[in-house]
Full PDB file with SEQRES, HELIX, SHEET, SSBOND, CRYST1, ORIGX, SCALE, CONECT and MASTER records, all heavy atoms in Angstrom:
SEQRES   1 A   37  THR ILE SER LYS ASN ASN GLY LYS ASN THR VAL TYR LEU          
SEQRES   2 A   37  GLN MET TYR SER LEU LYS PRO GLU ASP THR ALA VAL TYR          
SEQRES   3 A   37  TYR CYS HIS VAL ARG ILE ASP GLY ASN ASP TYR                  
HELIX    1 AA1 ASN A    6  LYS A    8  5                                   3    
HELIX    2 AA2 PRO A   20  ASP A   22  5                                   3    
SHEET    1 AA1 2 ILE A   2  ASN A   5  0                                        
SHEET    2 AA1 2 THR A  10  LEU A  13 -1                                        
SHEET    1 AA2 2 ARG A  31  ILE A  32  0                                        
SHEET    2 AA2 2 ASN A  35  ASP A  36 -1                                        
CRYST1    1.000    1.000    1.000  90.00  90.00  90.00 P 1           1          
ORIGX1      1.000000  0.000000  0.000000        0.00000                         
ORIGX2      0.000000  1.000000  0.000000        0.00000                         
ORIGX3      0.000000  0.000000  1.000000        0.00000                         
SCALE1      1.000000  0.000000  0.000000        0.00000                         
SCALE2      0.000000  1.000000  0.000000        0.00000                         
SCALE3      0.000000  0.000000  1.000000        0.00000                         
ATOM      1  N   THR A   1       9.431   9.461  -7.787  1.00  0.00           N  
ATOM      2  CA  THR A   1      10.468  10.398  -7.430  1.00  0.00           C  
ATOM      3  C   THR A   1      10.716  10.458  -5.911  1.00  0.00           C  
ATOM      4  O   THR A   1       9.744  10.670  -5.115  1.00  0.00           O  
ATOM      5  CB  THR A   1      10.250  11.843  -7.929  1.00  0.00           C  
ATOM      6  OG1 THR A   1      10.068  11.881  -9.413  1.00  0.00           O  
ATOM      7  CG2 THR A   1      11.323  12.787  -7.553  1.00  0.00           C  
ATOM      8  N   ILE A   2      11.800  10.252  -5.547  1.00  0.00           N  
ATOM      9  CA  ILE A   2      12.192  10.384  -4.031  1.00  0.00           C  
ATOM     10  C   ILE A   2      12.801  11.749  -3.813  1.00  0.00           C  
ATOM     11  O   ILE A   2      13.588  12.205  -4.624  1.00  0.00           O  
ATOM     12  CB  ILE A   2      13.073   9.345  -3.519  1.00  0.00           C  
ATOM     13  CG1 ILE A   2      13.304   9.356  -2.073  1.00  0.00           C  
ATOM     14  CG2 ILE A   2      14.412   9.304  -4.168  1.00  0.00           C  
ATOM     15  CD1 ILE A   2      13.969   8.043  -1.472  1.00  0.00           C  
ATOM     16  N   SER A   3      12.505  12.417  -2.694  1.00  0.00           N  
ATOM     17  CA  SER A   3      13.052  13.742  -2.345  1.00  0.00           C  
ATOM     18  C   SER A   3      12.991  13.843  -0.888  1.00  0.00           C  
ATOM     19  O   SER A   3      12.402  12.972  -0.099  1.00  0.00           O  
ATOM     20  CB  SER A   3      12.266  14.826  -3.005  1.00  0.00           C  
ATOM     21  OG  SER A   3      10.890  14.787  -2.601  1.00  0.00           O  
ATOM     22  N   LYS A   4      13.597  14.892  -0.441  1.00  0.00           N  
ATOM     23  CA  LYS A   4      13.536  15.175   0.927  1.00  0.00           C  
ATOM     24  C   LYS A   4      13.586  16.629   1.440  1.00  0.00           C  
ATOM     25  O   LYS A   4      13.889  17.507   0.528  1.00  0.00           O  
ATOM     26  CB  LYS A   4      14.684  14.438   1.673  1.00  0.00           C  
ATOM     27  CG  LYS A   4      16.011  14.954   1.306  1.00  0.00           C  
ATOM     28  CD  LYS A   4      17.180  14.261   2.072  1.00  0.00           C  
ATOM     29  CE  LYS A   4      18.501  14.762   1.736  1.00  0.00           C  
ATOM     30  NZ  LYS A   4      19.565  14.349   2.680  1.00  0.00           N  
ATOM     31  N   ASN A   5      13.080  16.911   2.493  1.00  0.00           N  
ATOM     32  CA  ASN A   5      13.120  18.317   3.074  1.00  0.00           C  
ATOM     33  C   ASN A   5      13.845  18.209   4.387  1.00  0.00           C  
ATOM     34  O   ASN A   5      13.220  17.771   5.332  1.00  0.00           O  
ATOM     35  CB  ASN A   5      11.652  18.868   3.226  1.00  0.00           C  
ATOM     36  CG  ASN A   5      11.745  20.304   3.724  1.00  0.00           C  
ATOM     37  OD1 ASN A   5      12.593  20.677   4.469  1.00  0.00           O  
ATOM     38  ND2 ASN A   5      10.811  21.076   3.159  1.00  0.00           N  
ATOM     39  N   ASN A   6      15.096  18.550   4.431  1.00  0.00           N  
ATOM     40  CA  ASN A   6      15.806  18.378   5.720  1.00  0.00           C  
ATOM     41  C   ASN A   6      15.272  19.152   6.814  1.00  0.00           C  
ATOM     42  O   ASN A   6      15.353  18.793   7.964  1.00  0.00           O  
ATOM     43  CB  ASN A   6      17.443  18.704   5.410  1.00  0.00           C  
ATOM     44  CG  ASN A   6      18.090  17.698   4.567  1.00  0.00           C  
ATOM     45  OD1 ASN A   6      17.656  16.539   4.575  1.00  0.00           O  
ATOM     46  ND2 ASN A   6      19.077  18.126   3.874  1.00  0.00           N  
ATOM     47  N   GLY A   7      14.808  20.347   6.446  1.00  0.00           N  
ATOM     48  CA  GLY A   7      14.164  21.240   7.527  1.00  0.00           C  
ATOM     49  C   GLY A   7      13.032  20.646   8.188  1.00  0.00           C  
ATOM     50  O   GLY A   7      12.687  20.942   9.299  1.00  0.00           O  
ATOM     51  N   LYS A   8      12.319  19.763   7.410  1.00  0.00           N  
ATOM     52  CA  LYS A   8      11.124  19.117   7.925  1.00  0.00           C  
ATOM     53  C   LYS A   8      11.412  17.727   8.472  1.00  0.00           C  
ATOM     54  O   LYS A   8      10.502  16.997   8.755  1.00  0.00           O  
ATOM     55  CB  LYS A   8       9.998  19.203   7.022  1.00  0.00           C  
ATOM     56  CG  LYS A   8       9.457  20.549   6.657  1.00  0.00           C  
ATOM     57  CD  LYS A   8       8.225  20.532   5.762  1.00  0.00           C  
ATOM     58  CE  LYS A   8       7.634  21.916   5.469  1.00  0.00           C  
ATOM     59  NZ  LYS A   8       6.540  21.837   4.664  1.00  0.00           N  
ATOM     60  N   ASN A   9      12.698  17.254   8.346  1.00  0.00           N  
ATOM     61  CA  ASN A   9      13.061  15.872   8.711  1.00  0.00           C  
ATOM     62  C   ASN A   9      12.252  14.885   7.908  1.00  0.00           C  
ATOM     63  O   ASN A   9      11.799  13.859   8.537  1.00  0.00           O  
ATOM     64  CB  ASN A   9      12.980  15.718  10.167  1.00  0.00           C  
ATOM     65  CG  ASN A   9      13.793  16.528  11.008  1.00  0.00           C  
ATOM     66  OD1 ASN A   9      14.787  17.066  10.476  1.00  0.00           O  
ATOM     67  ND2 ASN A   9      13.416  16.828  12.193  1.00  0.00           N  
ATOM     68  N   THR A  10      11.923  15.138   6.703  1.00  0.00           N  
ATOM     69  CA  THR A  10      10.962  14.324   5.918  1.00  0.00           C  
ATOM     70  C   THR A  10      11.483  13.899   4.559  1.00  0.00           C  
ATOM     71  O   THR A  10      12.170  14.692   3.895  1.00  0.00           O  
ATOM     72  CB  THR A  10       9.609  15.157   5.767  1.00  0.00           C  
ATOM     73  OG1 THR A  10       9.079  15.394   7.006  1.00  0.00           O  
ATOM     74  CG2 THR A  10       8.665  14.410   5.013  1.00  0.00           C  
ATOM     75  N   VAL A  11      11.215  12.667   4.338  1.00  0.00           N  
ATOM     76  CA  VAL A  11      11.489  12.033   2.895  1.00  0.00           C  
ATOM     77  C   VAL A  11      10.155  11.791   2.174  1.00  0.00           C  
ATOM     78  O   VAL A  11       9.206  11.281   2.977  1.00  0.00           O  
ATOM     79  CB  VAL A  11      12.419  10.807   3.121  1.00  0.00           C  
ATOM     80  CG1 VAL A  11      12.455  10.024   1.747  1.00  0.00           C  
ATOM     81  CG2 VAL A  11      13.790  11.128   3.470  1.00  0.00           C  
ATOM     82  N   TYR A  12      10.162  12.048   1.008  1.00  0.00           N  
ATOM     83  CA  TYR A  12       8.849  11.891   0.257  1.00  0.00           C  
ATOM     84  C   TYR A  12       9.156  10.826  -0.915  1.00  0.00           C  
ATOM     85  O   TYR A  12      10.210  10.611  -1.293  1.00  0.00           O  
ATOM     86  CB  TYR A  12       8.500  13.224  -0.376  1.00  0.00           C  
ATOM     87  CG  TYR A  12       8.347  14.319   0.512  1.00  0.00           C  
ATOM     88  CD1 TYR A  12       9.271  15.238   0.704  1.00  0.00           C  
ATOM     89  CD2 TYR A  12       7.085  14.474   1.197  1.00  0.00           C  
ATOM     90  CE1 TYR A  12       9.125  16.326   1.634  1.00  0.00           C  
ATOM     91  CE2 TYR A  12       6.917  15.547   2.163  1.00  0.00           C  
ATOM     92  CZ  TYR A  12       7.958  16.471   2.320  1.00  0.00           C  
ATOM     93  OH  TYR A  12       7.682  17.439   3.139  1.00  0.00           O  
ATOM     94  N   LEU A  13       8.032  10.182  -1.290  1.00  0.00           N  
ATOM     95  CA  LEU A  13       8.040   9.345  -2.495  1.00  0.00           C  
ATOM     96  C   LEU A  13       6.841   9.743  -3.275  1.00  0.00           C  
ATOM     97  O   LEU A  13       5.670   9.463  -2.831  1.00  0.00           O  
ATOM     98  CB  LEU A  13       7.990   7.866  -2.139  1.00  0.00           C  
ATOM     99  CG  LEU A  13       8.056   6.920  -3.363  1.00  0.00           C  
ATOM    100  CD1 LEU A  13       9.485   7.038  -3.920  1.00  0.00           C  
ATOM    101  CD2 LEU A  13       7.732   5.595  -2.880  1.00  0.00           C  
ATOM    102  N   GLN A  14       7.029  10.511  -4.325  1.00  0.00           N  
ATOM    103  CA  GLN A  14       6.066  10.911  -5.153  1.00  0.00           C  
ATOM    104  C   GLN A  14       5.824   9.801  -6.282  1.00  0.00           C  
ATOM    105  O   GLN A  14       6.779   9.469  -6.939  1.00  0.00           O  
ATOM    106  CB  GLN A  14       6.318  12.269  -5.980  1.00  0.00           C  
ATOM    107  CG  GLN A  14       5.353  12.678  -6.918  1.00  0.00           C  
ATOM    108  CD  GLN A  14       3.989  12.985  -6.266  1.00  0.00           C  
ATOM    109  OE1 GLN A  14       3.952  13.916  -5.369  1.00  0.00           O  
ATOM    110  NE2 GLN A  14       2.861  12.371  -6.622  1.00  0.00           N  
ATOM    111  N   MET A  15       4.700   9.286  -6.378  1.00  0.00           N  
ATOM    112  CA  MET A  15       4.385   8.177  -7.252  1.00  0.00           C  
ATOM    113  C   MET A  15       3.369   8.472  -8.377  1.00  0.00           C  
ATOM    114  O   MET A  15       2.260   9.052  -7.978  1.00  0.00           O  
ATOM    115  CB  MET A  15       3.868   6.885  -6.514  1.00  0.00           C  
ATOM    116  CG  MET A  15       4.829   6.500  -5.366  1.00  0.00           C  
ATOM    117  SD  MET A  15       4.218   5.105  -4.499  1.00  0.00           S  
ATOM    118  CE  MET A  15       2.826   5.608  -3.687  1.00  0.00           C  
ATOM    119  N   TYR A  16       3.698   8.449  -9.528  1.00  0.00           N  
ATOM    120  CA  TYR A  16       2.804   8.775 -10.718  1.00  0.00           C  
ATOM    121  C   TYR A  16       2.582   7.492 -11.474  1.00  0.00           C  
ATOM    122  O   TYR A  16       3.324   6.513 -11.410  1.00  0.00           O  
ATOM    123  CB  TYR A  16       3.540   9.756 -11.679  1.00  0.00           C  
ATOM    124  CG  TYR A  16       3.786  11.080 -11.081  1.00  0.00           C  
ATOM    125  CD1 TYR A  16       4.940  11.505 -10.690  1.00  0.00           C  
ATOM    126  CD2 TYR A  16       2.680  11.946 -10.849  1.00  0.00           C  
ATOM    127  CE1 TYR A  16       5.148  12.804 -10.083  1.00  0.00           C  
ATOM    128  CE2 TYR A  16       2.797  13.276 -10.340  1.00  0.00           C  
ATOM    129  CZ  TYR A  16       4.124  13.639  -9.973  1.00  0.00           C  
ATOM    130  OH  TYR A  16       4.228  14.928  -9.460  1.00  0.00           O  
ATOM    131  N   SER A  17       1.549   7.539 -12.370  1.00  0.00           N  
ATOM    132  CA  SER A  17       1.357   6.404 -13.277  1.00  0.00           C  
ATOM    133  C   SER A  17       1.299   5.072 -12.560  1.00  0.00           C  
ATOM    134  O   SER A  17       1.857   4.082 -12.977  1.00  0.00           O  
ATOM    135  CB  SER A  17       2.343   6.326 -14.451  1.00  0.00           C  
ATOM    136  OG  SER A  17       2.339   7.695 -15.064  1.00  0.00           O  
ATOM    137  N   LEU A  18       0.706   5.044 -11.433  1.00  0.00           N  
ATOM    138  CA  LEU A  18       0.561   3.782 -10.630  1.00  0.00           C  
ATOM    139  C   LEU A  18      -0.091   2.655 -11.405  1.00  0.00           C  
ATOM    140  O   LEU A  18      -1.019   2.809 -12.137  1.00  0.00           O  
ATOM    141  CB  LEU A  18      -0.074   4.125  -9.243  1.00  0.00           C  
ATOM    142  CG  LEU A  18       0.727   4.886  -8.310  1.00  0.00           C  
ATOM    143  CD1 LEU A  18      -0.215   5.504  -7.238  1.00  0.00           C  
ATOM    144  CD2 LEU A  18       1.766   4.010  -7.714  1.00  0.00           C  
ATOM    145  N   LYS A  19       0.425   1.473 -11.102  1.00  0.00           N  
ATOM    146  CA  LYS A  19      -0.047   0.255 -11.686  1.00  0.00           C  
ATOM    147  C   LYS A  19      -0.476  -0.685 -10.599  1.00  0.00           C  
ATOM    148  O   LYS A  19       0.008  -0.534  -9.489  1.00  0.00           O  
ATOM    149  CB  LYS A  19       1.129  -0.388 -12.561  1.00  0.00           C  
ATOM    150  CG  LYS A  19       1.821   0.436 -13.581  1.00  0.00           C  
ATOM    151  CD  LYS A  19       2.957  -0.198 -14.145  1.00  0.00           C  
ATOM    152  CE  LYS A  19       3.618   0.678 -15.243  1.00  0.00           C  
ATOM    153  NZ  LYS A  19       4.841  -0.048 -15.748  1.00  0.00           N  
ATOM    154  N   PRO A  20      -1.275  -1.646 -10.933  1.00  0.00           N  
ATOM    155  CA  PRO A  20      -1.750  -2.588 -10.004  1.00  0.00           C  
ATOM    156  C   PRO A  20      -0.610  -3.363  -9.329  1.00  0.00           C  
ATOM    157  O   PRO A  20      -0.671  -3.696  -8.126  1.00  0.00           O  
ATOM    158  CB  PRO A  20      -2.641  -3.561 -10.707  1.00  0.00           C  
ATOM    159  CG  PRO A  20      -3.219  -2.797 -11.730  1.00  0.00           C  
ATOM    160  CD  PRO A  20      -2.069  -1.766 -12.207  1.00  0.00           C  
ATOM    161  N   GLU A  21       0.508  -3.554 -10.101  1.00  0.00           N  
ATOM    162  CA  GLU A  21       1.624  -4.275  -9.529  1.00  0.00           C  
ATOM    163  C   GLU A  21       2.449  -3.364  -8.494  1.00  0.00           C  
ATOM    164  O   GLU A  21       3.335  -3.864  -7.945  1.00  0.00           O  
ATOM    165  CB  GLU A  21       2.638  -4.698 -10.614  1.00  0.00           C  
ATOM    166  CG  GLU A  21       2.952  -3.705 -11.718  1.00  0.00           C  
ATOM    167  CD  GLU A  21       2.052  -3.768 -12.938  1.00  0.00           C  
ATOM    168  OE1 GLU A  21       0.790  -3.955 -12.659  1.00  0.00           O  
ATOM    169  OE2 GLU A  21       2.654  -3.623 -14.002  1.00  0.00           O  
ATOM    170  N   ASP A  22       2.118  -2.106  -8.415  1.00  0.00           N  
ATOM    171  CA  ASP A  22       2.658  -1.276  -7.260  1.00  0.00           C  
ATOM    172  C   ASP A  22       2.073  -1.484  -5.964  1.00  0.00           C  
ATOM    173  O   ASP A  22       2.453  -0.974  -4.902  1.00  0.00           O  
ATOM    174  CB  ASP A  22       2.613   0.101  -7.687  1.00  0.00           C  
ATOM    175  CG  ASP A  22       3.403   0.573  -8.900  1.00  0.00           C  
ATOM    176  OD1 ASP A  22       4.551   0.095  -8.913  1.00  0.00           O  
ATOM    177  OD2 ASP A  22       2.883   1.311  -9.865  1.00  0.00           O  
ATOM    178  N   THR A  23       0.945  -2.272  -5.917  1.00  0.00           N  
ATOM    179  CA  THR A  23       0.237  -2.491  -4.669  1.00  0.00           C  
ATOM    180  C   THR A  23       1.099  -3.213  -3.743  1.00  0.00           C  
ATOM    181  O   THR A  23       1.649  -4.099  -4.024  1.00  0.00           O  
ATOM    182  CB  THR A  23      -1.033  -3.353  -4.975  1.00  0.00           C  
ATOM    183  OG1 THR A  23      -1.999  -2.602  -5.719  1.00  0.00           O  
ATOM    184  CG2 THR A  23      -1.699  -3.885  -3.711  1.00  0.00           C  
ATOM    185  N   ALA A  24       1.274  -2.603  -2.585  1.00  0.00           N  
ATOM    186  CA  ALA A  24       2.192  -3.186  -1.521  1.00  0.00           C  
ATOM    187  C   ALA A  24       2.140  -2.232  -0.286  1.00  0.00           C  
ATOM    188  O   ALA A  24       1.405  -1.248  -0.293  1.00  0.00           O  
ATOM    189  CB  ALA A  24       3.655  -3.177  -2.003  1.00  0.00           C  
ATOM    190  N   VAL A  25       2.708  -2.807   0.714  1.00  0.00           N  
ATOM    191  CA  VAL A  25       2.989  -1.914   1.998  1.00  0.00           C  
ATOM    192  C   VAL A  25       4.334  -1.347   1.715  1.00  0.00           C  
ATOM    193  O   VAL A  25       5.385  -1.966   1.407  1.00  0.00           O  
ATOM    194  CB  VAL A  25       2.983  -2.769   3.283  1.00  0.00           C  
ATOM    195  CG1 VAL A  25       3.311  -1.883   4.388  1.00  0.00           C  
ATOM    196  CG2 VAL A  25       1.677  -3.494   3.437  1.00  0.00           C  
ATOM    197  N   TYR A  26       4.340   0.029   1.814  1.00  0.00           N  
ATOM    198  CA  TYR A  26       5.588   0.804   1.653  1.00  0.00           C  
ATOM    199  C   TYR A  26       6.103   1.115   2.956  1.00  0.00           C  
ATOM    200  O   TYR A  26       5.488   1.677   3.843  1.00  0.00           O  
ATOM    201  CB  TYR A  26       5.246   2.001   0.793  1.00  0.00           C  
ATOM    202  CG  TYR A  26       4.992   1.704  -0.646  1.00  0.00           C  
ATOM    203  CD1 TYR A  26       3.935   1.040  -1.040  1.00  0.00           C  
ATOM    204  CD2 TYR A  26       5.900   2.095  -1.632  1.00  0.00           C  
ATOM    205  CE1 TYR A  26       3.697   0.650  -2.405  1.00  0.00           C  
ATOM    206  CE2 TYR A  26       5.726   1.787  -2.991  1.00  0.00           C  
ATOM    207  CZ  TYR A  26       4.693   1.019  -3.396  1.00  0.00           C  
ATOM    208  OH  TYR A  26       4.495   0.773  -4.645  1.00  0.00           O  
ATOM    209  N   TYR A  27       7.485   0.925   3.068  1.00  0.00           N  
ATOM    210  CA  TYR A  27       8.154   1.254   4.260  1.00  0.00           C  
ATOM    211  C   TYR A  27       9.276   2.209   4.076  1.00  0.00           C  
ATOM    212  O   TYR A  27      10.061   2.123   3.101  1.00  0.00           O  
ATOM    213  CB  TYR A  27       8.787  -0.173   4.852  1.00  0.00           C  
ATOM    214  CG  TYR A  27       7.804  -1.190   5.248  1.00  0.00           C  
ATOM    215  CD1 TYR A  27       7.506  -2.177   4.330  1.00  0.00           C  
ATOM    216  CD2 TYR A  27       7.324  -1.161   6.516  1.00  0.00           C  
ATOM    217  CE1 TYR A  27       6.541  -3.080   4.702  1.00  0.00           C  
ATOM    218  CE2 TYR A  27       6.437  -2.237   6.867  1.00  0.00           C  
ATOM    219  CZ  TYR A  27       6.060  -3.161   5.939  1.00  0.00           C  
ATOM    220  OH  TYR A  27       5.257  -4.118   6.375  1.00  0.00           O  
ATOM    221  N   CYS A  28       9.406   3.134   5.046  1.00  0.00           N  
ATOM    222  CA  CYS A  28      10.388   4.120   5.058  1.00  0.00           C  
ATOM    223  C   CYS A  28      11.647   3.500   5.829  1.00  0.00           C  
ATOM    224  O   CYS A  28      11.472   2.677   6.715  1.00  0.00           O  
ATOM    225  CB  CYS A  28      10.014   5.370   5.834  1.00  0.00           C  
ATOM    226  SG  CYS A  28      11.185   6.640   5.923  1.00  0.00           S  
ATOM    227  N   HIS A  29      12.679   3.845   5.368  1.00  0.00           N  
ATOM    228  CA  HIS A  29      13.915   3.182   5.975  1.00  0.00           C  
ATOM    229  C   HIS A  29      15.167   4.316   6.095  1.00  0.00           C  
ATOM    230  O   HIS A  29      15.205   5.078   5.287  1.00  0.00           O  
ATOM    231  CB  HIS A  29      14.442   2.167   5.081  1.00  0.00           C  
ATOM    232  CG  HIS A  29      15.843   1.507   5.293  1.00  0.00           C  
ATOM    233  ND1 HIS A  29      17.008   1.953   4.685  1.00  0.00           N  
ATOM    234  CD2 HIS A  29      16.176   0.673   6.301  1.00  0.00           C  
ATOM    235  CE1 HIS A  29      17.962   1.322   5.141  1.00  0.00           C  
ATOM    236  NE2 HIS A  29      17.555   0.484   6.075  1.00  0.00           N  
ATOM    237  N   VAL A  30      15.873   4.013   7.110  1.00  0.00           N  
ATOM    238  CA  VAL A  30      17.095   4.850   7.347  1.00  0.00           C  
ATOM    239  C   VAL A  30      18.141   3.972   7.924  1.00  0.00           C  
ATOM    240  O   VAL A  30      17.844   3.086   8.836  1.00  0.00           O  
ATOM    241  CB  VAL A  30      16.831   6.141   8.160  1.00  0.00           C  
ATOM    242  CG1 VAL A  30      16.501   5.747   9.661  1.00  0.00           C  
ATOM    243  CG2 VAL A  30      18.082   7.074   8.216  1.00  0.00           C  
ATOM    244  N   ARG A  31      19.354   4.162   7.476  1.00  0.00           N  
ATOM    245  CA  ARG A  31      20.403   3.419   8.018  1.00  0.00           C  
ATOM    246  C   ARG A  31      21.360   4.170   8.816  1.00  0.00           C  
ATOM    247  O   ARG A  31      21.932   5.243   8.228  1.00  0.00           O  
ATOM    248  CB  ARG A  31      21.262   2.543   6.940  1.00  0.00           C  
ATOM    249  CG  ARG A  31      22.427   1.870   7.508  1.00  0.00           C  
ATOM    250  CD  ARG A  31      22.999   0.858   6.386  1.00  0.00           C  
ATOM    251  NE  ARG A  31      22.132  -0.219   6.223  1.00  0.00           N  
ATOM    252  CZ  ARG A  31      22.220  -1.116   5.216  1.00  0.00           C  
ATOM    253  NH1 ARG A  31      23.232  -0.944   4.374  1.00  0.00           N  
ATOM    254  NH2 ARG A  31      21.319  -2.063   5.143  1.00  0.00           N  
ATOM    255  N   ILE A  32      21.445   3.876  10.090  1.00  0.00           N  
ATOM    256  CA  ILE A  32      22.291   4.837  10.975  1.00  0.00           C  
ATOM    257  C   ILE A  32      23.395   4.067  11.669  1.00  0.00           C  
ATOM    258  O   ILE A  32      23.077   3.111  12.447  1.00  0.00           O  
ATOM    259  CB  ILE A  32      21.354   5.507  12.078  1.00  0.00           C  
ATOM    260  CG1 ILE A  32      20.318   6.332  11.464  1.00  0.00           C  
ATOM    261  CG2 ILE A  32      22.295   6.330  13.052  1.00  0.00           C  
ATOM    262  CD1 ILE A  32      19.271   6.852  12.441  1.00  0.00           C  
ATOM    263  N   ASP A  33      24.657   4.367  11.252  1.00  0.00           N  
ATOM    264  CA  ASP A  33      25.812   3.657  11.774  1.00  0.00           C  
ATOM    265  C   ASP A  33      25.614   2.191  11.674  1.00  0.00           C  
ATOM    266  O   ASP A  33      26.019   1.406  12.552  1.00  0.00           O  
ATOM    267  CB  ASP A  33      25.992   4.078  13.218  1.00  0.00           C  
ATOM    268  CG  ASP A  33      26.270   5.537  13.355  1.00  0.00           C  
ATOM    269  OD1 ASP A  33      26.808   6.186  12.401  1.00  0.00           O  
ATOM    270  OD2 ASP A  33      25.951   6.155  14.506  1.00  0.00           O  
ATOM    271  N   GLY A  34      25.229   1.746  10.520  1.00  0.00           N  
ATOM    272  CA  GLY A  34      25.137   0.342  10.187  1.00  0.00           C  
ATOM    273  C   GLY A  34      23.815  -0.413  10.732  1.00  0.00           C  
ATOM    274  O   GLY A  34      23.581  -1.529  10.508  1.00  0.00           O  
ATOM    275  N   ASN A  35      23.065   0.388  11.441  1.00  0.00           N  
ATOM    276  CA  ASN A  35      21.744  -0.267  11.904  1.00  0.00           C  
ATOM    277  C   ASN A  35      20.597   0.229  11.061  1.00  0.00           C  
ATOM    278  O   ASN A  35      20.392   1.377  10.678  1.00  0.00           O  
ATOM    279  CB  ASN A  35      21.531   0.242  13.467  1.00  0.00           C  
ATOM    280  CG  ASN A  35      22.577  -0.216  14.320  1.00  0.00           C  
ATOM    281  OD1 ASN A  35      22.980  -1.500  14.325  1.00  0.00           O  
ATOM    282  ND2 ASN A  35      23.204   0.597  15.085  1.00  0.00           N  
ATOM    283  N   ASP A  36      19.690  -0.695  10.735  1.00  0.00           N  
ATOM    284  CA  ASP A  36      18.524  -0.468   9.967  1.00  0.00           C  
ATOM    285  C   ASP A  36      17.319  -0.138  10.830  1.00  0.00           C  
ATOM    286  O   ASP A  36      16.885  -0.784  11.759  1.00  0.00           O  
ATOM    287  CB  ASP A  36      18.191  -1.632   9.022  1.00  0.00           C  
ATOM    288  CG  ASP A  36      19.265  -1.821   8.044  1.00  0.00           C  
ATOM    289  OD1 ASP A  36      19.816  -0.840   7.385  1.00  0.00           O  
ATOM    290  OD2 ASP A  36      19.758  -3.001   7.820  1.00  0.00           O  
ATOM    291  N   TYR A  37      16.726   1.017  10.425  1.00  0.00           N  
ATOM    292  CA  TYR A  37      15.428   1.466  11.134  1.00  0.00           C  
ATOM    293  C   TYR A  37      14.296   1.529  10.082  1.00  0.00           C  
ATOM    294  O   TYR A  37      14.519   2.006   9.007  1.00  0.00           O  
ATOM    295  CB  TYR A  37      15.679   2.658  11.835  1.00  0.00           C  
ATOM    296  CG  TYR A  37      16.692   2.590  12.923  1.00  0.00           C  
ATOM    297  CD1 TYR A  37      18.009   2.842  12.631  1.00  0.00           C  
ATOM    298  CD2 TYR A  37      16.252   2.306  14.167  1.00  0.00           C  
ATOM    299  CE1 TYR A  37      19.005   2.817  13.674  1.00  0.00           C  
ATOM    300  CE2 TYR A  37      17.292   2.181  15.224  1.00  0.00           C  
ATOM    301  CZ  TYR A  37      18.557   2.391  14.892  1.00  0.00           C  
ATOM    302  OH  TYR A  37      19.558   2.297  15.891  1.00  0.00           O  
TER     303      TYR A  37                                                      
MASTER        0    0    0    2    4    0    0    6  302    1    0    3          
END                                                                             
């Protein structure tokens, strides 16, 4: 589940029932005026 708290300028990713295939480096992303950060 992805969610956010605008007051805290934070986005969350709640992950349940994790599997070995979920193993990875997880990156946060925002697109601002066509630019990726």
